[in-house]
Amino acid sequence: MTDMTEGFCAPKTTSTTSTTTPGDGERELRPALMRGWKRRCPSCGGGPMLKGYLKVRDECPVCGEALHHHRADDGPAYLTILIVGHLMAPLLGFVFIEFRPDPLVLVALFSIGTVALSLFLLPRLKGMIVAFQWAKRMHGFENDD
């Protein structure tokens, strides 16, 4: 009888040795995330992480930490939508029930508020995602020390 679990095994890796061990050179997550929120280099906190509004620099101009490894992709946009939606939807319901403003006023105010909050959060969340990847040594950040 054939083993049915044979096709469901995880792929074998070619290397069994790891370049980093869990206790060797761990990076603190909280300071890295706070630096990311401030859009600063997750390593030194001195240099700007972003060049422009959302473009991540290839390396920190202060400490030289390589930042080009990041894979933020659509994560910041998803988190922004999640946070803004969870803040604005209940607020919209509350304002409508309590104050009964004219629908055009309501749409105008909440459209401006939603766009403003999204524009505020998006680069900060991108900085936090890049900092998280740096702290957890993901996507090429593992050998930068």
N, C-alpha and C. Protein backbone atom coordinates (compact mmCIF):
# COMPACT_ATOMS: atom_id res chain seq x y z
N MET A 1 0.85 -1.17 0.00
CA MET A 1 0.00 0.00 0.00
C MET A 1 0.90 1.24 0.00
N THR A 2 0.52 2.26 -0.77
CA THR A 2 1.34 3.47 -0.86
C THR A 2 1.02 4.42 0.28
N ASP A 3 2.01 5.19 0.64
CA ASP A 3 1.85 6.18 1.71
C ASP A 3 1.18 7.42 1.13
N MET A 4 -0.02 7.75 1.61
CA MET A 4 -0.80 8.87 1.08
C MET A 4 -0.24 10.22 1.50
N THR A 5 0.57 10.27 2.55
CA THR A 5 1.11 11.55 3.00
C THR A 5 2.35 11.94 2.21
N GLU A 6 2.81 11.06 1.35
CA GLU A 6 4.05 11.32 0.62
C GLU A 6 3.98 12.61 -0.20
N GLY A 7 2.87 12.87 -0.86
CA GLY A 7 2.74 14.05 -1.70
C GLY A 7 2.48 15.33 -0.92
N PHE A 8 2.23 15.22 0.37
CA PHE A 8 1.89 16.38 1.18
C PHE A 8 3.03 16.85 2.07
N CYS A 9 4.19 16.30 1.91
CA CYS A 9 5.33 16.69 2.74
C CYS A 9 5.85 18.05 2.29
N ALA A 10 6.42 18.75 3.23
CA ALA A 10 7.03 20.05 2.91
C ALA A 10 8.26 19.82 2.05
N PRO A 11 8.55 20.74 1.15
CA PRO A 11 9.74 20.57 0.31
C PRO A 11 11.00 20.61 1.16
N LYS A 12 11.94 19.79 0.78
CA LYS A 12 13.20 19.73 1.52
C LYS A 12 14.09 20.88 1.08
N THR A 13 14.77 21.46 2.05
CA THR A 13 15.68 22.55 1.73
C THR A 13 17.06 21.98 1.44
N THR A 14 17.82 22.72 0.67
CA THR A 14 19.15 22.24 0.32
C THR A 14 20.15 22.49 1.44
N SER A 15 19.89 23.48 2.27
CA SER A 15 20.81 23.81 3.35
C SER A 15 20.15 23.52 4.69
N THR A 16 20.86 22.84 5.55
CA THR A 16 20.32 22.55 6.87
C THR A 16 20.90 23.46 7.93
N THR A 17 21.90 24.26 7.57
CA THR A 17 22.51 25.16 8.54
C THR A 17 21.92 26.54 8.38
N SER A 18 21.77 27.23 9.47
CA SER A 18 21.24 28.59 9.46
C SER A 18 22.37 29.56 9.75
N THR A 19 22.34 30.72 9.11
CA THR A 19 23.38 31.71 9.34
C THR A 19 23.16 32.46 10.64
N THR A 20 21.92 32.45 11.15
CA THR A 20 21.64 33.11 12.42
C THR A 20 20.93 32.15 13.34
N THR A 21 21.22 32.27 14.60
CA THR A 21 20.53 31.47 15.60
C THR A 21 19.60 32.39 16.37
N PRO A 22 18.54 31.85 16.99
CA PRO A 22 17.57 32.72 17.67
C PRO A 22 18.16 33.65 18.70
N GLY A 23 19.17 33.25 19.44
CA GLY A 23 19.74 34.11 20.46
C GLY A 23 20.87 35.00 19.97
N ASP A 24 21.29 34.80 18.73
CA ASP A 24 22.45 35.51 18.19
C ASP A 24 22.03 36.74 17.42
N GLY A 25 22.30 37.92 18.00
CA GLY A 25 22.04 39.16 17.29
C GLY A 25 20.59 39.48 17.05
N GLU A 26 19.72 39.16 18.00
CA GLU A 26 18.31 39.49 17.82
C GLU A 26 18.13 41.00 17.79
N ARG A 27 17.20 41.44 17.00
CA ARG A 27 16.90 42.86 16.90
C ARG A 27 15.61 43.13 17.65
N GLU A 28 15.58 44.21 18.40
CA GLU A 28 14.39 44.53 19.19
C GLU A 28 13.29 45.04 18.28
N LEU A 29 12.10 44.49 18.46
CA LEU A 29 10.98 44.80 17.58
C LEU A 29 10.36 46.16 17.87
N ARG A 30 10.09 46.45 19.13
CA ARG A 30 9.38 47.69 19.48
C ARG A 30 10.12 48.95 19.03
N PRO A 31 11.43 49.09 19.32
CA PRO A 31 12.12 50.29 18.83
C PRO A 31 12.14 50.37 17.31
N ALA A 32 12.28 49.22 16.66
CA ALA A 32 12.28 49.22 15.19
C ALA A 32 10.94 49.69 14.65
N LEU A 33 9.84 49.21 15.26
CA LEU A 33 8.51 49.63 14.80
C LEU A 33 8.28 51.12 15.04
N MET A 34 8.75 51.62 16.16
CA MET A 34 8.58 53.06 16.44
C MET A 34 9.40 53.90 15.45
N ARG A 35 10.59 53.43 15.11
CA ARG A 35 11.39 54.14 14.11
C ARG A 35 10.69 54.08 12.75
N GLY A 36 10.10 52.94 12.45
CA GLY A 36 9.36 52.82 11.19
C GLY A 36 8.17 53.75 11.15
N TRP A 37 7.45 53.88 12.28
CA TRP A 37 6.31 54.80 12.35
C TRP A 37 6.77 56.24 12.08
N LYS A 38 7.97 56.56 12.56
CA LYS A 38 8.53 57.90 12.35
C LYS A 38 9.16 58.04 10.96
N ARG A 39 9.14 56.96 10.18
CA ARG A 39 9.71 56.91 8.83
C ARG A 39 11.23 57.10 8.87
N ARG A 40 11.84 56.51 9.90
CA ARG A 40 13.29 56.57 10.08
C ARG A 40 13.89 55.18 9.86
N CYS A 41 15.18 55.14 9.67
CA CYS A 41 15.90 53.88 9.49
C CYS A 41 15.64 52.98 10.70
N PRO A 42 15.26 51.71 10.49
CA PRO A 42 15.00 50.83 11.63
C PRO A 42 16.26 50.47 12.41
N SER A 43 17.42 50.63 11.81
CA SER A 43 18.67 50.27 12.47
C SER A 43 19.17 51.38 13.38
N CYS A 44 19.31 52.60 12.83
CA CYS A 44 19.90 53.69 13.62
C CYS A 44 18.87 54.72 14.09
N GLY A 45 17.77 54.84 13.41
CA GLY A 45 16.75 55.82 13.77
C GLY A 45 17.11 57.23 13.36
N GLY A 46 18.26 57.42 12.74
CA GLY A 46 18.71 58.76 12.39
C GLY A 46 18.39 59.18 10.97
N GLY A 47 18.55 58.26 10.05
CA GLY A 47 18.35 58.60 8.64
C GLY A 47 16.91 58.38 8.19
N PRO A 48 16.47 59.15 7.20
CA PRO A 48 15.12 58.94 6.68
C PRO A 48 15.03 57.63 5.90
N MET A 49 13.95 56.89 6.09
CA MET A 49 13.75 55.63 5.40
C MET A 49 13.17 55.85 4.01
N LEU A 50 12.31 56.85 3.90
CA LEU A 50 11.60 57.07 2.65
C LEU A 50 12.22 58.21 1.86
N LYS A 51 12.20 58.05 0.56
CA LYS A 51 12.63 59.09 -0.36
C LYS A 51 11.36 59.51 -1.10
N GLY A 52 10.84 60.67 -0.78
CA GLY A 52 9.54 61.06 -1.33
C GLY A 52 8.44 60.59 -0.40
N TYR A 53 7.29 60.28 -0.98
CA TYR A 53 6.13 59.91 -0.16
C TYR A 53 6.14 58.44 0.25
N LEU A 54 6.40 57.52 -0.69
CA LEU A 54 6.37 56.10 -0.37
C LEU A 54 7.59 55.31 -0.83
N LYS A 55 8.50 55.91 -1.55
CA LYS A 55 9.66 55.19 -2.08
C LYS A 55 10.69 54.96 -0.97
N VAL A 56 11.01 53.68 -0.74
CA VAL A 56 12.00 53.33 0.28
C VAL A 56 13.40 53.50 -0.31
N ARG A 57 14.28 54.13 0.45
CA ARG A 57 15.66 54.33 0.01
C ARG A 57 16.36 52.98 -0.10
N ASP A 58 17.35 52.91 -0.97
CA ASP A 58 18.14 51.69 -1.10
C ASP A 58 18.97 51.42 0.14
N GLU A 59 19.46 52.49 0.77
CA GLU A 59 20.21 52.34 2.02
C GLU A 59 20.07 53.61 2.85
N CYS A 60 20.32 53.46 4.13
CA CYS A 60 20.23 54.60 5.05
C CYS A 60 21.39 55.55 4.78
N PRO A 61 21.13 56.86 4.63
CA PRO A 61 22.24 57.79 4.40
C PRO A 61 23.12 58.01 5.62
N VAL A 62 22.66 57.62 6.81
CA VAL A 62 23.44 57.83 8.03
C VAL A 62 24.30 56.61 8.37
N CYS A 63 23.67 55.44 8.48
CA CYS A 63 24.42 54.25 8.92
C CYS A 63 24.75 53.29 7.78
N GLY A 64 24.18 53.49 6.61
CA GLY A 64 24.47 52.62 5.48
C GLY A 64 23.71 51.31 5.47
N GLU A 65 22.74 51.12 6.36
CA GLU A 65 21.93 49.90 6.40
C GLU A 65 21.19 49.73 5.07
N ALA A 66 21.33 48.57 4.46
CA ALA A 66 20.64 48.29 3.19
C ALA A 66 19.15 48.09 3.46
N LEU A 67 18.34 48.86 2.78
CA LEU A 67 16.89 48.77 2.94
C LEU A 67 16.20 48.24 1.69
N HIS A 68 16.96 47.98 0.65
CA HIS A 68 16.36 47.57 -0.61
C HIS A 68 15.77 46.17 -0.57
N HIS A 69 16.02 45.43 0.51
CA HIS A 69 15.50 44.06 0.64
C HIS A 69 14.00 44.01 0.92
N HIS A 70 13.43 45.11 1.32
CA HIS A 70 12.05 45.09 1.82
C HIS A 70 11.07 44.54 0.78
N ARG A 71 9.99 43.96 1.28
CA ARG A 71 8.91 43.47 0.44
C ARG A 71 7.59 43.93 1.06
N ALA A 72 7.40 45.23 1.14
CA ALA A 72 6.17 45.76 1.74
C ALA A 72 4.98 45.53 0.82
N ASP A 73 5.17 45.63 -0.48
CA ASP A 73 4.14 45.39 -1.50
C ASP A 73 2.84 46.11 -1.16
N ASP A 74 1.74 45.35 -1.06
CA ASP A 74 0.42 45.95 -0.81
C ASP A 74 0.04 45.96 0.67
N GLY A 75 0.90 45.48 1.53
CA GLY A 75 0.60 45.42 2.96
C GLY A 75 0.19 46.74 3.58
N PRO A 76 0.94 47.83 3.34
CA PRO A 76 0.55 49.12 3.92
C PRO A 76 -0.83 49.59 3.46
N ALA A 77 -1.15 49.37 2.20
CA ALA A 77 -2.46 49.79 1.69
C ALA A 77 -3.58 48.98 2.36
N TYR A 78 -3.38 47.68 2.51
CA TYR A 78 -4.40 46.85 3.17
C TYR A 78 -4.60 47.28 4.62
N LEU A 79 -3.51 47.52 5.32
CA LEU A 79 -3.63 47.95 6.72
C LEU A 79 -4.28 49.32 6.83
N THR A 80 -3.96 50.22 5.90
CA THR A 80 -4.57 51.54 5.90
C THR A 80 -6.08 51.44 5.71
N ILE A 81 -6.50 50.63 4.74
CA ILE A 81 -7.93 50.45 4.49
C ILE A 81 -8.61 49.84 5.72
N LEU A 82 -7.96 48.86 6.33
CA LEU A 82 -8.52 48.21 7.51
C LEU A 82 -8.71 49.20 8.65
N ILE A 83 -7.70 49.99 8.93
CA ILE A 83 -7.76 50.93 10.06
C ILE A 83 -8.74 52.06 9.77
N VAL A 84 -8.62 52.67 8.60
CA VAL A 84 -9.50 53.79 8.26
C VAL A 84 -10.96 53.33 8.21
N GLY A 85 -11.20 52.19 7.63
CA GLY A 85 -12.57 51.67 7.58
C GLY A 85 -13.16 51.40 8.95
N HIS A 86 -12.35 50.84 9.84
CA HIS A 86 -12.84 50.55 11.19
C HIS A 86 -13.01 51.80 12.04
N LEU A 87 -12.33 52.87 11.70
CA LEU A 87 -12.52 54.12 12.42
C LEU A 87 -13.68 54.94 11.85
N MET A 88 -13.74 55.03 10.54
CA MET A 88 -14.70 55.93 9.91
C MET A 88 -16.12 55.36 9.86
N ALA A 89 -16.29 54.07 9.69
CA ALA A 89 -17.64 53.50 9.58
C ALA A 89 -18.46 53.71 10.85
N PRO A 90 -17.94 53.37 12.04
CA PRO A 90 -18.74 53.63 13.24
C PRO A 90 -18.94 55.12 13.49
N LEU A 91 -17.93 55.92 13.17
CA LEU A 91 -18.06 57.36 13.35
C LEU A 91 -19.13 57.93 12.42
N LEU A 92 -19.18 57.44 11.21
CA LEU A 92 -20.21 57.86 10.26
C LEU A 92 -21.60 57.52 10.79
N GLY A 93 -21.77 56.32 11.29
CA GLY A 93 -23.06 55.93 11.86
C GLY A 93 -23.44 56.77 13.06
N PHE A 94 -22.48 57.02 13.94
CA PHE A 94 -22.74 57.82 15.13
C PHE A 94 -23.15 59.24 14.76
N VAL A 95 -22.39 59.87 13.86
CA VAL A 95 -22.69 61.25 13.45
C VAL A 95 -24.06 61.32 12.78
N PHE A 96 -24.38 60.35 11.96
CA PHE A 96 -25.67 60.36 11.27
C PHE A 96 -26.83 60.21 12.26
N ILE A 97 -26.70 59.30 13.20
CA ILE A 97 -27.78 59.06 14.18
C ILE A 97 -27.94 60.24 15.13
N GLU A 98 -26.84 60.77 15.64
CA GLU A 98 -26.90 61.81 16.66
C GLU A 98 -27.23 63.20 16.11
N PHE A 99 -26.67 63.54 14.96
CA PHE A 99 -26.77 64.92 14.49
C PHE A 99 -27.62 65.10 13.23
N ARG A 100 -27.89 64.05 12.51
CA ARG A 100 -28.70 64.09 11.28
C ARG A 100 -28.30 65.24 10.35
N PRO A 101 -27.01 65.31 9.95
CA PRO A 101 -26.61 66.39 9.04
C PRO A 101 -27.15 66.14 7.63
N ASP A 102 -27.11 67.17 6.82
CA ASP A 102 -27.49 67.05 5.42
C ASP A 102 -26.59 66.00 4.77
N PRO A 103 -27.12 65.12 3.93
CA PRO A 103 -26.29 64.07 3.33
C PRO A 103 -25.07 64.59 2.57
N LEU A 104 -25.21 65.72 1.88
CA LEU A 104 -24.06 66.27 1.15
C LEU A 104 -22.96 66.74 2.10
N VAL A 105 -23.35 67.31 3.22
CA VAL A 105 -22.37 67.73 4.23
C VAL A 105 -21.67 66.50 4.81
N LEU A 106 -22.44 65.48 5.10
CA LEU A 106 -21.89 64.24 5.65
C LEU A 106 -20.89 63.61 4.68
N VAL A 107 -21.27 63.51 3.42
CA VAL A 107 -20.38 62.92 2.42
C VAL A 107 -19.12 63.76 2.25
N ALA A 108 -19.27 65.07 2.21
CA ALA A 108 -18.11 65.94 2.03
C ALA A 108 -17.14 65.82 3.21
N LEU A 109 -17.67 65.88 4.42
CA LEU A 109 -16.80 65.80 5.60
C LEU A 109 -16.10 64.45 5.72
N PHE A 110 -16.85 63.38 5.52
CA PHE A 110 -16.25 62.05 5.68
C PHE A 110 -15.34 61.69 4.52
N SER A 111 -15.58 62.22 3.35
CA SER A 111 -14.66 61.99 2.23
C SER A 111 -13.32 62.65 2.50
N ILE A 112 -13.37 63.89 2.94
CA ILE A 112 -12.13 64.61 3.27
C ILE A 112 -11.41 63.93 4.43
N GLY A 113 -12.15 63.55 5.46
CA GLY A 113 -11.54 62.89 6.61
C GLY A 113 -10.92 61.55 6.25
N THR A 114 -11.59 60.78 5.41
CA THR A 114 -11.07 59.48 5.00
C THR A 114 -9.80 59.62 4.18
N VAL A 115 -9.80 60.55 3.24
CA VAL A 115 -8.60 60.76 2.42
C VAL A 115 -7.45 61.27 3.28
N ALA A 116 -7.73 62.23 4.15
CA ALA A 116 -6.67 62.79 5.00
C ALA A 116 -6.07 61.73 5.91
N LEU A 117 -6.91 60.92 6.54
CA LEU A 117 -6.41 59.87 7.43
C LEU A 117 -5.62 58.83 6.65
N SER A 118 -6.08 58.49 5.46
CA SER A 118 -5.36 57.52 4.63
C SER A 118 -3.99 58.05 4.22
N LEU A 119 -3.94 59.31 3.82
CA LEU A 119 -2.66 59.90 3.42
C LEU A 119 -1.70 60.02 4.60
N PHE A 120 -2.23 60.21 5.80
CA PHE A 120 -1.40 60.27 7.00
C PHE A 120 -0.85 58.89 7.35
N LEU A 121 -1.69 57.87 7.32
CA LEU A 121 -1.30 56.54 7.78
C LEU A 121 -0.42 55.76 6.80
N LEU A 122 -0.65 55.92 5.51
CA LEU A 122 0.01 55.06 4.53
C LEU A 122 1.54 55.05 4.63
N PRO A 123 2.24 56.18 4.63
CA PRO A 123 3.71 56.10 4.73
C PRO A 123 4.19 55.60 6.09
N ARG A 124 3.45 55.87 7.14
CA ARG A 124 3.84 55.40 8.47
C ARG A 124 3.70 53.88 8.58
N LEU A 125 2.63 53.35 8.03
CA LEU A 125 2.45 51.90 8.06
C LEU A 125 3.46 51.20 7.15
N LYS A 126 3.83 51.84 6.05
CA LYS A 126 4.87 51.26 5.20
C LYS A 126 6.19 51.22 5.97
N GLY A 127 6.51 52.29 6.68
CA GLY A 127 7.71 52.31 7.50
C GLY A 127 7.70 51.22 8.55
N MET A 128 6.55 50.98 9.16
CA MET A 128 6.45 49.94 10.18
C MET A 128 6.61 48.54 9.58
N ILE A 129 6.08 48.32 8.39
CA ILE A 129 6.21 47.01 7.76
C ILE A 129 7.67 46.74 7.38
N VAL A 130 8.34 47.74 6.83
CA VAL A 130 9.76 47.58 6.49
C VAL A 130 10.57 47.34 7.77
N ALA A 131 10.26 48.07 8.84
CA ALA A 131 10.96 47.90 10.11
C ALA A 131 10.69 46.52 10.70
N PHE A 132 9.47 46.02 10.58
CA PHE A 132 9.14 44.67 11.06
C PHE A 132 9.97 43.63 10.31
N GLN A 133 10.04 43.78 8.99
CA GLN A 133 10.84 42.84 8.20
C GLN A 133 12.31 42.91 8.59
N TRP A 134 12.81 44.11 8.86
CA TRP A 134 14.20 44.26 9.28
C TRP A 134 14.42 43.59 10.63
N ALA A 135 13.53 43.84 11.60
CA ALA A 135 13.69 43.29 12.95
C ALA A 135 13.60 41.77 12.96
N LYS A 136 12.75 41.21 12.12
CA LYS A 136 12.58 39.75 12.06
C LYS A 136 13.51 39.08 11.05
N ARG A 137 14.40 39.88 10.45
CA ARG A 137 15.39 39.38 9.49
C ARG A 137 14.72 38.65 8.32
N MET A 138 13.73 39.28 7.76
CA MET A 138 12.99 38.69 6.64
C MET A 138 13.49 39.26 5.31
N HIS A 139 13.34 38.50 4.24
CA HIS A 139 13.54 38.96 2.86
C HIS A 139 14.92 39.55 2.59
N GLY A 140 15.96 38.96 3.10
CA GLY A 140 17.31 39.44 2.82
C GLY A 140 17.92 40.30 3.90
N PHE A 141 17.16 40.66 4.92
CA PHE A 141 17.71 41.46 6.01
C PHE A 141 18.51 40.62 7.00
N GLU A 142 18.56 39.29 6.83
CA GLU A 142 19.17 38.44 7.85
C GLU A 142 20.68 38.55 7.93
N ASN A 143 21.35 38.96 6.88
CA ASN A 143 22.82 38.96 6.90
C ASN A 143 23.41 40.36 6.88
N ASP A 144 22.71 41.34 7.39
CA ASP A 144 23.17 42.72 7.30
C ASP A 144 23.97 43.20 8.49
N ASP A 145 24.16 42.43 9.52
CA ASP A 145 24.91 42.91 10.70
C ASP A 145 26.39 42.85 10.48
